[in-house]
C-alpha atoms as a PDB file:
ATOM      1  CA  MET A   1      63.837   3.213-120.437  1.00  0.00           C
ATOM      2  CA  THR A   2      63.856   1.495-117.036  1.00  0.00           C
ATOM      3  CA  ASN A   3      60.340   0.027-116.818  1.00  0.00           C
ATOM      4  CA  ILE A   4      60.290  -3.708-116.036  1.00  0.00           C
ATOM      5  CA  ALA A   5      57.610  -4.106-118.696  1.00  0.00           C
ATOM      6  CA  THR A   6      60.352  -3.595-121.287  1.00  0.00           C
ATOM      7  CA  LEU A   7      61.518  -7.127-120.461  1.00  0.00           C
ATOM      8  CA  LEU A   8      58.351  -8.286-122.180  1.00  0.00           C
ATOM      9  CA  THR A   9      58.363  -5.829-125.082  1.00  0.00           C
ATOM     10  CA  GLY A  10      62.039  -6.576-125.742  1.00  0.00           C
ATOM     11  CA  SER A  11      61.524 -10.342-125.854  1.00  0.00           C
ATOM     12  CA  THR A  12      58.398  -9.890-127.969  1.00  0.00           C
ATOM     13  CA  ALA A  13      60.406  -8.013-130.593  1.00  0.00           C
ATOM     14  CA  THR A  14      62.889 -10.897-130.815  1.00  0.00           C
ATOM     15  CA  HIS A  15      60.869 -13.969-129.861  1.00  0.00           C
ATOM     16  CA  GLY A  16      57.273 -13.028-130.658  1.00  0.00           C
ATOM     17  CA  ASP A  17      56.261 -16.507-131.837  1.00  0.00           C
ATOM     18  CA  ARG A  18      57.853 -18.362-128.931  1.00  0.00           C
ATOM     19  CA  ILE A  19      55.711 -19.606-126.054  1.00  0.00           C
ATOM     20  CA  ALA A  20      56.035 -17.309-123.046  1.00  0.00           C
ATOM     21  CA  ILE A  21      53.464 -18.838-120.684  1.00  0.00           C
ATOM     22  CA  ARG A  22      52.121 -22.361-120.529  1.00  0.00           C
ATOM     23  CA  HIS A  23      49.357 -23.386-118.124  1.00  0.00           C
ATOM     24  CA  GLU A  24      47.536 -26.697-118.492  1.00  0.00           C
ATOM     25  CA  THR A  25      46.128 -26.584-122.052  1.00  0.00           C
ATOM     26  CA  THR A  26      46.624 -22.821-122.460  1.00  0.00           C
ATOM     27  CA  THR A  27      49.662 -21.270-124.105  1.00  0.00           C
ATOM     28  CA  LEU A  28      50.513 -17.622-124.723  1.00  0.00           C
ATOM     29  CA  THR A  29      53.189 -16.566-127.156  1.00  0.00           C
ATOM     30  CA  TYR A  30      55.225 -13.465-126.420  1.00  0.00           C
ATOM     31  CA  ALA A  31      53.235 -11.550-129.020  1.00  0.00           C
ATOM     32  CA  GLN A  32      49.933 -12.613-127.435  1.00  0.00           C
ATOM     33  CA  LEU A  33      51.102 -11.799-123.902  1.00  0.00           C
ATOM     34  CA  ASP A  34      52.395  -8.402-125.029  1.00  0.00           C
ATOM     35  CA  ASP A  35      49.070  -7.579-126.696  1.00  0.00           C
ATOM     36  CA  LEU A  36      47.041  -8.611-123.646  1.00  0.00           C
ATOM     37  CA  THR A  37      49.191  -6.511-121.313  1.00  0.00           C
ATOM     38  CA  ALA A  38      48.850  -3.510-123.636  1.00  0.00           C
ATOM     39  CA  ARG A  39      45.063  -3.919-123.485  1.00  0.00           C
ATOM     40  CA  THR A  40      45.176  -4.300-119.696  1.00  0.00           C
ATOM     41  CA  ALA A  41      47.166  -1.055-119.426  1.00  0.00           C
ATOM     42  CA  ALA A  42      44.533   0.708-121.521  1.00  0.00           C
ATOM     43  CA  LEU A  43      41.726  -0.772-119.405  1.00  0.00           C
ATOM     44  CA  LEU A  44      43.360   0.440-116.203  1.00  0.00           C
ATOM     45  CA  GLN A  45      43.776   3.927-117.630  1.00  0.00           C
ATOM     46  CA  ASP A  46      40.083   3.919-118.591  1.00  0.00           C
ATOM     47  CA  ARG A  47      39.283   3.093-114.946  1.00  0.00           C
ATOM     48  CA  GLY A  48      41.284   6.087-113.734  1.00  0.00           C
ATOM     49  CA  VAL A  49      44.631   4.481-112.926  1.00  0.00           C
ATOM     50  CA  ARG A  50      47.517   6.906-113.397  1.00  0.00           C
ATOM     51  CA  PRO A  51      51.324   6.521-113.150  1.00  0.00           C
ATOM     52  CA  GLY A  52      52.351   5.978-109.538  1.00  0.00           C
ATOM     53  CA  ASP A  53      48.968   4.582-108.473  1.00  0.00           C
ATOM     54  CA  ARG A  54      48.991   1.301-106.558  1.00  0.00           C
ATOM     55  CA  VAL A  55      47.131  -1.623-108.154  1.00  0.00           C
ATOM     56  CA  ALA A  56      46.761  -4.846-106.181  1.00  0.00           C
ATOM     57  CA  VAL A  57      46.757  -8.286-107.822  1.00  0.00           C
ATOM     58  CA  ILE A  58      45.239 -11.307-106.080  1.00  0.00           C
ATOM     59  CA  THR A  59      45.471 -14.395-108.238  1.00  0.00           C
ATOM     60  CA  PRO A  60      47.155 -17.812-108.181  1.00  0.00           C
ATOM     61  CA  ASN A  61      49.634 -19.001-110.815  1.00  0.00           C
ATOM     62  CA  VAL A  62      47.470 -18.636-113.905  1.00  0.00           C
ATOM     63  CA  PRO A  63      48.052 -16.614-117.111  1.00  0.00           C
ATOM     64  CA  HIS A  64      46.097 -13.668-115.723  1.00  0.00           C
ATOM     65  CA  PHE A  65      48.892 -12.962-113.248  1.00  0.00           C
ATOM     66  CA  PRO A  66      51.549 -12.041-115.859  1.00  0.00           C
ATOM     67  CA  ILE A  67      48.889 -10.276-117.930  1.00  0.00           C
ATOM     68  CA  ALA A  68      47.927  -8.092-114.969  1.00  0.00           C
ATOM     69  CA  TYR A  69      51.519  -7.713-113.724  1.00  0.00           C
ATOM     70  CA  TYR A  70      53.017  -6.343-116.927  1.00  0.00           C
ATOM     71  CA  GLY A  71      49.838  -4.454-117.795  1.00  0.00           C
ATOM     72  CA  ILE A  72      50.020  -2.530-114.524  1.00  0.00           C
ATOM     73  CA  LEU A  73      53.719  -1.809-115.015  1.00  0.00           C
ATOM     74  CA  ARG A  74      53.435  -0.605-118.593  1.00  0.00           C
ATOM     75  CA  ALA A  75      50.724   1.823-117.437  1.00  0.00           C
ATOM     76  CA  GLY A  76      53.264   3.249-114.967  1.00  0.00           C
ATOM     77  CA  ALA A  77      51.407   1.992-111.912  1.00  0.00           C
ATOM     78  CA  VAL A  78      52.816  -0.022-108.994  1.00  0.00           C
ATOM     79  CA  VAL A  79      52.016  -3.724-108.555  1.00  0.00           C
ATOM     80  CA  VAL A  80      50.928  -4.900-105.101  1.00  0.00           C
ATOM     81  CA  PRO A  81      50.779  -8.722-105.304  1.00  0.00           C
ATOM     82  CA  MET A  82      48.876 -10.618-102.624  1.00  0.00           C
ATOM     83  CA  ASN A  83      48.418 -14.207-101.554  1.00  0.00           C
ATOM     84  CA  PRO A  84      45.073 -15.417-102.993  1.00  0.00           C
ATOM     85  CA  LEU A  85      44.401 -17.282 -99.724  1.00  0.00           C
ATOM     86  CA  LEU A  86      44.203 -14.080 -97.656  1.00  0.00           C
ATOM     87  CA  LYS A  87      40.945 -13.243 -95.895  1.00  0.00           C
ATOM     88  CA  ALA A  88      39.033  -9.978 -96.236  1.00  0.00           C
ATOM     89  CA  PRO A  89      40.527  -8.227 -93.144  1.00  0.00           C
ATOM     90  CA  GLU A  90      44.067  -9.078 -94.296  1.00  0.00           C
ATOM     91  CA  ILE A  91      43.362  -7.851 -97.817  1.00  0.00           C
ATOM     92  CA  ALA A  92      41.771  -4.666 -96.471  1.00  0.00           C
ATOM     93  CA  PHE A  93      44.843  -3.926 -94.342  1.00  0.00           C
ATOM     94  CA  ILE A  94      47.181  -4.141 -97.333  1.00  0.00           C
ATOM     95  CA  LEU A  95      44.841  -2.152 -99.582  1.00  0.00           C
ATOM     96  CA  ARG A  96      44.777   0.655 -97.001  1.00  0.00           C
ATOM     97  CA  ASP A  97      48.474   0.496 -96.192  1.00  0.00           C
ATOM     98  CA  ALA A  98      49.537   0.537 -99.845  1.00  0.00           C
ATOM     99  CA  GLY A  99      46.938   3.119-100.786  1.00  0.00           C
ATOM    100  CA  ALA A 100      45.660   0.924-103.613  1.00  0.00           C
ATOM    101  CA  ARG A 101      43.387   2.556-106.134  1.00  0.00           C
ATOM    102  CA  THR A 102      42.307  -0.679-107.855  1.00  0.00           C
ATOM    103  CA  VAL A 103      42.441  -4.385-107.111  1.00  0.00           C
ATOM    104  CA  LEU A 104      42.396  -7.158-109.717  1.00  0.00           C
ATOM    105  CA  THR A 105      41.286 -10.489-108.293  1.00  0.00           C
ATOM    106  CA  SER A 106      40.736 -14.044-109.444  1.00  0.00           C
ATOM    107  CA  PRO A 107      37.320 -15.687-109.072  1.00  0.00           C
ATOM    108  CA  MET A 108      38.614 -17.885-106.216  1.00  0.00           C
ATOM    109  CA  SER A 109      39.371 -14.748-104.148  1.00  0.00           C
ATOM    110  CA  ALA A 110      36.503 -12.604-105.437  1.00  0.00           C
ATOM    111  CA  ALA A 111      34.242 -12.783-102.370  1.00  0.00           C
ATOM    112  CA  GLU A 112      36.972 -11.918 -99.843  1.00  0.00           C
ATOM    113  CA  THR A 113      38.397  -9.232-102.117  1.00  0.00           C
ATOM    114  CA  ALA A 114      35.005  -7.642-102.774  1.00  0.00           C
ATOM    115  CA  GLU A 115      34.386  -7.377 -99.037  1.00  0.00           C
ATOM    116  CA  ALA A 116      37.795  -5.760 -98.490  1.00  0.00           C
ATOM    117  CA  ALA A 117      37.382  -3.457-101.484  1.00  0.00           C
ATOM    118  CA  GLU A 118      34.023  -2.214-100.217  1.00  0.00           C
ATOM    119  CA  ALA A 119      35.469  -1.546 -96.772  1.00  0.00           C
ATOM    120  CA  THR A 120      38.371   0.436 -98.249  1.00  0.00           C
ATOM    121  CA  GLU A 121      36.475   2.034-101.163  1.00  0.00           C
ATOM    122  CA  THR A 122      38.815   0.419-103.652  1.00  0.00           C
ATOM    123  CA  ASP A 123      37.840  -0.207-107.273  1.00  0.00           C
ATOM    124  CA  CYS A 124      37.565  -3.982-107.783  1.00  0.00           C
ATOM    125  CA  LEU A 125      37.753  -5.951-111.019  1.00  0.00           C
ATOM    126  CA  VAL A 126      37.319  -9.746-111.127  1.00  0.00           C
ATOM    127  CA  LEU A 127      39.522 -11.556-113.639  1.00  0.00           C
ATOM    128  CA  GLU A 128      36.803 -13.984-114.688  1.00  0.00           C
ATOM    129  CA  PRO A 129      38.348 -15.748-117.705  1.00  0.00           C
ATOM    130  CA  ASP A 130      35.470 -15.397-120.163  1.00  0.00           C
ATOM    131  CA  SER A 131      34.182 -11.953-119.196  1.00  0.00           C
ATOM    132  CA  PHE A 132      37.606 -10.380-118.605  1.00  0.00           C
ATOM    133  CA  ASP A 133      39.035 -11.754-121.834  1.00  0.00           C
ATOM    134  CA  SER A 134      35.983 -10.509-123.697  1.00  0.00           C
ATOM    135  CA  LEU A 135      36.420  -7.096-122.067  1.00  0.00           C
ATOM    136  CA  LEU A 136      40.051  -6.927-123.200  1.00  0.00           C
ATOM    137  CA  ASP A 137      39.020  -7.817-126.752  1.00  0.00           C
ATOM    138  CA  ARG A 138      36.980  -4.593-126.876  1.00  0.00           C
ATOM    139  CA  ILE A 139      39.826  -2.413-125.588  1.00  0.00           C
ATOM    140  CA  GLU A 140      42.232  -0.648-127.929  1.00  0.00           C
ATOM    141  CA  PRO A 141      45.758  -1.601-126.793  1.00  0.00           C
ATOM    142  CA  ILE A 142      48.305   1.006-125.745  1.00  0.00           C
ATOM    143  CA  ALA A 143      51.613   0.124-127.370  1.00  0.00           C
ATOM    144  CA  ALA A 144      53.655   2.637-125.394  1.00  0.00           C
ATOM    145  CA  VAL A 145      55.325   1.689-122.111  1.00  0.00           C
ATOM    146  CA  PHE A 146      55.488   4.322-119.386  1.00  0.00           C
ATOM    147  CA  ASP A 147      59.010   5.753-119.170  1.00  0.00           C
ATOM    148  CA  ALA A 148      59.822   5.020-115.531  1.00  0.00           C
ATOM    149  CA  GLN A 149      62.867   6.304-113.692  1.00  0.00           C
ATOM    150  CA  ASP A 150      65.379   4.024-111.961  1.00  0.00           C
ATOM    151  CA  THR A 151      64.116   4.979-108.519  1.00  0.00           C
ATOM    152  CA  ASP A 152      60.394   4.828-109.305  1.00  0.00           C
ATOM    153  CA  PRO A 153      58.615   2.100-107.303  1.00  0.00           C
ATOM    154  CA  ALA A 154      57.513  -0.867-109.406  1.00  0.00           C
ATOM    155  CA  VAL A 155      56.332  -3.475-106.896  1.00  0.00           C
ATOM    156  CA  ILE A 156      55.388  -3.456-103.217  1.00  0.00           C
ATOM    157  CA  LEU A 157      55.857  -6.890-101.664  1.00  0.00           C
ATOM    158  CA  TYR A 158      54.265  -7.444 -98.271  1.00  0.00           C
ATOM    159  CA  THR A 159      56.026  -9.583 -95.669  1.00  0.00           C
ATOM    160  CA  SER A 160      54.239 -12.359 -93.820  1.00  0.00           C
ATOM    161  CA  GLY A 161      53.857 -10.221 -90.694  1.00  0.00           C
ATOM    162  CA  THR A 162      55.287 -12.827 -88.325  1.00  0.00           C
ATOM    163  CA  THR A 163      56.366 -10.107 -85.854  1.00  0.00           C
ATOM    164  CA  GLY A 164      53.330  -7.869 -86.281  1.00  0.00           C
ATOM    165  CA  THR A 165      51.359  -6.524 -89.191  1.00  0.00           C
ATOM    166  CA  PRO A 166      52.771  -7.102 -92.699  1.00  0.00           C
ATOM    167  CA  LYS A 167      55.301  -4.526 -93.909  1.00  0.00           C
ATOM    168  CA  GLY A 168      55.477  -3.395 -97.528  1.00  0.00           C
ATOM    169  CA  ALA A 169      58.909  -3.690 -99.162  1.00  0.00           C
ATOM    170  CA  GLU A 170      59.020  -1.066-101.916  1.00  0.00           C
ATOM    171  CA  LEU A 171      61.113  -2.258-104.867  1.00  0.00           C
ATOM    172  CA  THR A 172      62.128   0.024-107.711  1.00  0.00           C
ATOM    173  CA  HIS A 173      62.317  -0.781-111.396  1.00  0.00           C
ATOM    174  CA  ARG A 174      66.122  -0.741-111.166  1.00  0.00           C
ATOM    175  CA  ASN A 175      66.090  -3.085-108.139  1.00  0.00           C
ATOM    176  CA  LEU A 176      64.113  -5.702-110.016  1.00  0.00           C
ATOM    177  CA  LEU A 177      65.825  -5.259-113.376  1.00  0.00           C
ATOM    178  CA  THR A 178      69.285  -5.619-111.829  1.00  0.00           C
ATOM    179  CA  ASN A 179      68.290  -8.724-109.865  1.00  0.00           C
ATOM    180  CA  THR A 180      66.687 -10.260-112.947  1.00  0.00           C
ATOM    181  CA  ALA A 181      69.727  -9.554-115.127  1.00  0.00           C
ATOM    182  CA  THR A 182      72.013 -11.183-112.565  1.00  0.00           C
ATOM    183  CA  THR A 183      69.770 -14.230-112.394  1.00  0.00           C
ATOM    184  CA  VAL A 184      69.551 -14.600-116.173  1.00  0.00           C
ATOM    185  CA  HIS A 185      73.195 -14.037-117.101  1.00  0.00           C
ATOM    186  CA  THR A 186      75.263 -14.942-114.028  1.00  0.00           C
ATOM    187  CA  LEU A 187      73.330 -17.488-111.980  1.00  0.00           C
ATOM    188  CA  PHE A 188      70.996 -19.508-114.220  1.00  0.00           C
ATOM    189  CA  HIS A 189      72.378 -18.767-117.725  1.00  0.00           C
ATOM    190  CA  VAL A 190      68.862 -18.893-119.148  1.00  0.00           C
ATOM    191  CA  GLY A 191      68.141 -18.538-122.866  1.00  0.00           C
ATOM    192  CA  PRO A 192      65.201 -18.760-125.290  1.00  0.00           C
ATOM    193  CA  GLY A 193      65.396 -22.553-125.389  1.00  0.00           C
ATOM    194  CA  ASP A 194      64.855 -22.957-121.652  1.00  0.00           C
ATOM    195  CA  VAL A 195      61.648 -23.978-119.892  1.00  0.00           C
ATOM    196  CA  LEU A 196      61.326 -22.843-116.262  1.00  0.00           C
ATOM    197  CA  PHE A 197      59.088 -24.625-113.777  1.00  0.00           C
ATOM    198  CA  GLY A 198      56.514 -22.131-112.488  1.00  0.00           C
ATOM    199  CA  GLY A 199      55.351 -23.798-109.296  1.00  0.00           C
ATOM    200  CA  LEU A 200      56.524 -21.059-106.929  1.00  0.00           C
ATOM    201  CA  PRO A 201      53.835 -18.480-106.076  1.00  0.00           C
ATOM    202  CA  LEU A 202      54.183 -15.509-108.414  1.00  0.00           C
ATOM    203  CA  PHE A 203      53.013 -13.141-105.677  1.00  0.00           C
ATOM    204  CA  HIS A 204      56.245 -14.026-103.831  1.00  0.00           C
ATOM    205  CA  ALA A 205      59.641 -12.490-104.638  1.00  0.00           C
ATOM    206  CA  PHE A 206      61.290 -15.843-105.481  1.00  0.00           C
ATOM    207  CA  GLY A 207      58.697 -16.894-108.041  1.00  0.00           C
ATOM    208  CA  GLN A 208      58.268 -13.393-109.415  1.00  0.00           C
ATOM    209  CA  THR A 209      61.911 -12.497-110.077  1.00  0.00           C
ATOM    210  CA  CYS A 210      63.577 -15.883-110.552  1.00  0.00           C
ATOM    211  CA  GLY A 211      60.595 -17.398-112.352  1.00  0.00           C
ATOM    212  CA  LEU A 212      58.456 -14.858-114.213  1.00  0.00           C
ATOM    213  CA  ASN A 213      60.849 -11.973-114.835  1.00  0.00           C
ATOM    214  CA  THR A 214      63.810 -14.248-115.537  1.00  0.00           C
ATOM    215  CA  ALA A 215      61.883 -16.318-118.075  1.00  0.00           C
ATOM    216  CA  VAL A 216      60.483 -13.239-119.823  1.00  0.00           C
ATOM    217  CA  ALA A 217      63.848 -11.452-119.897  1.00  0.00           C
ATOM    218  CA  ALA A 218      65.451 -14.499-121.550  1.00  0.00           C
ATOM    219  CA  GLY A 219      62.658 -15.196-124.017  1.00  0.00           C
ATOM    220  CA  ALA A 220      62.161 -18.564-122.300  1.00  0.00           C
ATOM    221  CA  THR A 221      58.955 -20.408-121.353  1.00  0.00           C
ATOM    222  CA  LEU A 222      57.419 -20.370-117.876  1.00  0.00           C
ATOM    223  CA  SER A 223      55.273 -23.451-117.282  1.00  0.00           C
ATOM    224  CA  LEU A 224      52.797 -22.639-114.522  1.00  0.00           C
ATOM    225  CA  LEU A 225      51.438 -24.911-111.819  1.00  0.00           C
ATOM    226  CA  THR A 226      48.532 -23.323-109.954  1.00  0.00           C
ATOM    227  CA  ARG A 227      49.160 -25.128-106.687  1.00  0.00           C
ATOM    228  CA  PHE A 228      52.110 -27.384-105.977  1.00  0.00           C
ATOM    229  CA  ASP A 229      51.508 -31.095-106.036  1.00  0.00           C
ATOM    230  CA  PRO A 230      54.429 -33.492-106.605  1.00  0.00           C
ATOM    231  CA  ALA A 231      52.577 -35.670-109.109  1.00  0.00           C
ATOM    232  CA  ALA A 232      51.483 -32.624-111.126  1.00  0.00           C
ATOM    233  CA  ALA A 233      54.994 -31.158-110.910  1.00  0.00           C
ATOM    234  CA  LEU A 234      56.548 -34.353-112.267  1.00  0.00           C
ATOM    235  CA  GLU A 235      54.014 -34.364-115.096  1.00  0.00           C
ATOM    236  CA  ILE A 236      54.989 -30.801-116.054  1.00  0.00           C
ATOM    237  CA  ILE A 237      58.717 -31.577-115.848  1.00  0.00           C
ATOM    238  CA  HIS A 238      58.175 -34.532-118.200  1.00  0.00           C
ATOM    239  CA  ARG A 239      55.560 -33.031-120.551  1.00  0.00           C
ATOM    240  CA  ASP A 240      57.157 -29.624-121.039  1.00  0.00           C
ATOM    241  CA  ALA A 241      60.808 -30.767-120.956  1.00  0.00           C
ATOM    242  CA  VAL A 242      61.627 -28.430-118.063  1.00  0.00           C
ATOM    243  CA  THR A 243      65.265 -27.310-117.963  1.00  0.00           C
ATOM    244  CA  VAL A 244      65.309 -25.179-114.786  1.00  0.00           C
ATOM    245  CA  LEU A 245      63.474 -26.281-111.654  1.00  0.00           C
ATOM    246  CA  LEU A 246      62.725 -23.681-108.975  1.00  0.00           C
ATOM    247  CA  GLY A 247      61.490 -24.744-105.563  1.00  0.00           C
ATOM    248  CA  VAL A 248      61.646 -24.546-101.791  1.00  0.00           C
ATOM    249  CA  PRO A 249      62.858 -27.393 -99.532  1.00  0.00           C
ATOM    250  CA  THR A 250      59.378 -28.848 -98.945  1.00  0.00           C
ATOM    251  CA  MET A 251      58.928 -29.162-102.718  1.00  0.00           C
ATOM    252  CA  TYR A 252      62.225 -30.992-103.112  1.00  0.00           C
ATOM    253  CA  ALA A 253      61.406 -33.324-100.237  1.00  0.00           C
ATOM    254  CA  ALA A 254      58.079 -34.161-101.865  1.00  0.00           C
ATOM    255  CA  LEU A 255      59.728 -34.821-105.240  1.00  0.00           C
ATOM    256  CA  VAL A 256      62.340 -37.088-103.683  1.00  0.00           C
ATOM    257  CA  HIS A 257      59.632 -39.308-102.170  1.00  0.00           C
ATOM    258  CA  ALA A 258      56.983 -39.082-104.901  1.00  0.00           C
ATOM    259  CA  GLU A 259      56.263 -42.048-107.142  1.00  0.00           C
ATOM    260  CA  LEU A 260      57.542 -41.394-110.645  1.00  0.00           C
ATOM    261  CA  PRO A 261      54.810 -41.648-113.307  1.00  0.00           C
ATOM    262  CA  ASP A 262      55.071 -44.304-116.018  1.00  0.00           C
ATOM    263  CA  GLY A 263      57.448 -43.230-118.746  1.00  0.00           C
ATOM    264  CA  PHE A 264      58.809 -40.315-116.740  1.00  0.00           C
ATOM    265  CA  ASP A 265      61.846 -38.690-118.271  1.00  0.00           C
ATOM    266  CA  ALA A 266      63.604 -35.389-117.647  1.00  0.00           C
ATOM    267  CA  PRO A 267      66.398 -35.384-120.236  1.00  0.00           C
ATOM    268  CA  ARG A 268      66.660 -31.599-120.458  1.00  0.00           C
ATOM    269  CA  LEU A 269      66.620 -30.804-116.737  1.00  0.00           C
ATOM    270  CA  ARG A 270      70.002 -29.141-116.174  1.00  0.00           C
ATOM    271  CA  LEU A 271      69.576 -27.012-113.057  1.00  0.00           C
ATOM    272  CA  ALA A 272      67.607 -27.112-109.815  1.00  0.00           C
ATOM    273  CA  VAL A 273      67.439 -24.073-107.534  1.00  0.00           C
ATOM    274  CA  SER A 274      66.311 -24.038-103.910  1.00  0.00           C
ATOM    275  CA  GLY A 275      65.553 -21.063-101.692  1.00  0.00           C
ATOM    276  CA  GLY A 276      63.263 -19.866 -98.937  1.00  0.00           C
ATOM    277  CA  ALA A 277      64.914 -21.992 -96.243  1.00  0.00           C
ATOM    278  CA  SER A 278      67.934 -24.202 -95.709  1.00  0.00           C
ATOM    279  CA  LEU A 279      67.764 -27.393 -97.759  1.00  0.00           C
ATOM    280  CA  PRO A 280      68.456 -30.513 -95.624  1.00  0.00           C
ATOM    281  CA  VAL A 281      71.545 -32.347 -96.866  1.00  0.00           C
ATOM    282  CA  GLU A 282      69.700 -35.641 -97.159  1.00  0.00           C
ATOM    283  CA  VAL A 283      67.076 -34.034 -99.395  1.00  0.00           C
ATOM    284  CA  LEU A 284      69.756 -32.367-101.519  1.00  0.00           C
ATOM    285  CA  HIS A 285      71.628 -35.632-102.055  1.00  0.00           C
ATOM    286  CA  GLY A 286      68.409 -37.568-102.549  1.00  0.00           C
ATOM    287  CA  PHE A 287      67.258 -35.229-105.303  1.00  0.00           C
ATOM    288  CA  GLU A 288      70.641 -35.119-107.029  1.00  0.00           C
ATOM    289  CA  GLN A 289      70.872 -38.912-107.047  1.00  0.00           C
ATOM    290  CA  ARG A 290      67.318 -39.438-108.237  1.00  0.00           C
ATOM    291  CA  PHE A 291      67.236 -36.811-110.987  1.00  0.00           C
ATOM    292  CA  GLY A 292      70.917 -36.523-111.870  1.00  0.00           C
ATOM    293  CA  VAL A 293      71.128 -32.750-111.548  1.00  0.00           C
ATOM    294  CA  ASP A 294      72.846 -30.400-109.100  1.00  0.00           C
ATOM    295  CA  VAL A 295      70.739 -28.424-106.640  1.00  0.00           C
ATOM    296  CA  LEU A 296      72.043 -24.903-106.023  1.00  0.00           C
ATOM    297  CA  GLU A 297      70.889 -22.951-102.991  1.00  0.00           C
ATOM    298  CA  GLY A 298      70.282 -19.225-102.781  1.00  0.00           C
ATOM    299  CA  TYR A 299      69.526 -16.771-100.010  1.00  0.00           C
ATOM    300  CA  GLY A 300      67.374 -13.706-100.352  1.00  0.00           C
ATOM    301  CA  LEU A 301      64.513 -11.690 -98.954  1.00  0.00           C
ATOM    302  CA  SER A 302      61.745  -9.498-100.257  1.00  0.00           C
ATOM    303  CA  GLU A 303      63.743  -6.345 -99.614  1.00  0.00           C
ATOM    304  CA  THR A 304      66.585  -7.512-101.911  1.00  0.00           C
ATOM    305  CA  SER A 305      64.345  -8.334-104.897  1.00  0.00           C
ATOM    306  CA  PRO A 306      65.093 -11.153-103.689  1.00  0.00           C
ATOM    307  CA  VAL A 307      68.483 -12.795-104.487  1.00  0.00           C
ATOM    308  CA  ALA A 308      71.293 -11.744-102.130  1.00  0.00           C
ATOM    309  CA  ALA A 309      73.641 -14.770-102.264  1.00  0.00           C
ATOM    310  CA  PHE A 310      73.783 -17.846-104.450  1.00  0.00           C
ATOM    311  CA  ASN A 311      75.848 -21.003-104.894  1.00  0.00           C
ATOM    312  CA  MET A 312      77.669 -21.408-108.193  1.00  0.00           C
ATOM    313  CA  PRO A 313      77.675 -24.627-110.234  1.00  0.00           C
ATOM    314  CA  ARG A 314      80.589 -26.889-109.343  1.00  0.00           C
ATOM    315  CA  SER A 315      82.610 -26.200-112.482  1.00  0.00           C
ATOM    316  CA  ARG A 316      82.413 -22.415-112.196  1.00  0.00           C
ATOM    317  CA  ALA A 317      82.900 -22.570-108.428  1.00  0.00           C
ATOM    318  CA  ALA A 318      86.125 -24.531-108.874  1.00  0.00           C
ATOM    319  CA  GLU A 319      87.403 -22.163-111.565  1.00  0.00           C
ATOM    320  CA  SER A 320      86.837 -19.174-109.292  1.00  0.00           C
ATOM    321  CA  ILE A 321      88.971 -20.588-106.458  1.00  0.00           C
ATOM    322  CA  PRO A 322      92.722 -19.852-106.406  1.00  0.00           C
ATOM    323  CA  ALA A 323      94.882 -22.879-107.210  1.00  0.00           C
ATOM    324  CA  SER A 324      96.337 -22.819-103.699  1.00  0.00           C
ATOM    325  CA  SER A 325      92.878 -23.348-102.242  1.00  0.00           C
ATOM    326  CA  ARG A 326      91.569 -26.000-104.636  1.00  0.00           C
ATOM    327  CA  VAL A 327      92.846 -28.921-102.553  1.00  0.00           C
ATOM    328  CA  TRP A 328      90.800 -27.641 -99.586  1.00  0.00           C
ATOM    329  CA  TRP A 329      87.785 -27.080-101.858  1.00  0.00           C
ATOM    330  CA  ALA A 330      88.016 -30.617-103.285  1.00  0.00           C
ATOM    331  CA  ARG A 331      88.223 -32.088 -99.777  1.00  0.00           C
ATOM    332  CA  ALA A 332      85.215 -30.020 -98.691  1.00  0.00           C
ATOM    333  CA  ARG A 333      83.179 -31.285-101.627  1.00  0.00           C
ATOM    334  CA  SER A 334      84.269 -34.871-100.902  1.00  0.00           C
ATOM    335  CA  ALA A 335      83.312 -34.561 -97.231  1.00  0.00           C
ATOM    336  CA  ARG A 336      79.879 -33.214 -98.162  1.00  0.00           C
ATOM    337  CA  SER A 337      79.335 -36.117-100.543  1.00  0.00           C
END
């Protein structure tokens, strides 16, 4: 079975009692997340969603995002994630362009989404924590996961539209599964004992694949931060013993200059990953010196799910270079330092 939702069901079978999602004072084990997504899939089917239908999700980094994301996928539908800061005309454009049947929205985006949904005649459901959770409690979960094909679309990611209207990048289940597997096993080497920092927007390819899907595939924990703030990020790194930090250059710059809270410690932080733009050398060195961990840069785009190229850790990079070239490599590293 190819469906991305099997990342969750597979980890649930092995790591059901482990924490999958942490957000402020809320935690969801793999078993709890799996159950909630099974109920969400059943709810969507009750509202007329069928395999291949497009379902939009407009929510910040809160537990309802992974619940909706994997619930949509296990029902065989296609996820269309959107920035929760979009205005009604922007939401309406994407709803029309994607042909969305339903949109799931957070309370913070409810007014703009409702306006767009009315204009496009799209079914709209607000993920109000109390009422939505109560609704799921009354739904009989669907244990089965839709048997998707490799080439079936799973997610449509919309570009920023800097050269015109946003364009939808259609990603298949195989696209995303392959990229996730590479990230887990080749790039990050993530396992059940890891805690990933979830401060990147989950509606974006970087946060979705390298954060959410990677953590779930490995049976690790994703610790969510709704909106990036350096003080809050440092608190999460310390409190949750984060092992893998994911960020963009502006985040790293903020962390380099932020005041460390009293008692701050990050003994388990072993890897920092930067993407989205080129990381200034002074920020890279500043972070490495302050936190004692290498920063590895990657390049990708929505259309490549997203990782296309990635730096290797120093030890593995050195091992991969022929002996005849290692003197040059060592000099290059020395010059950069």
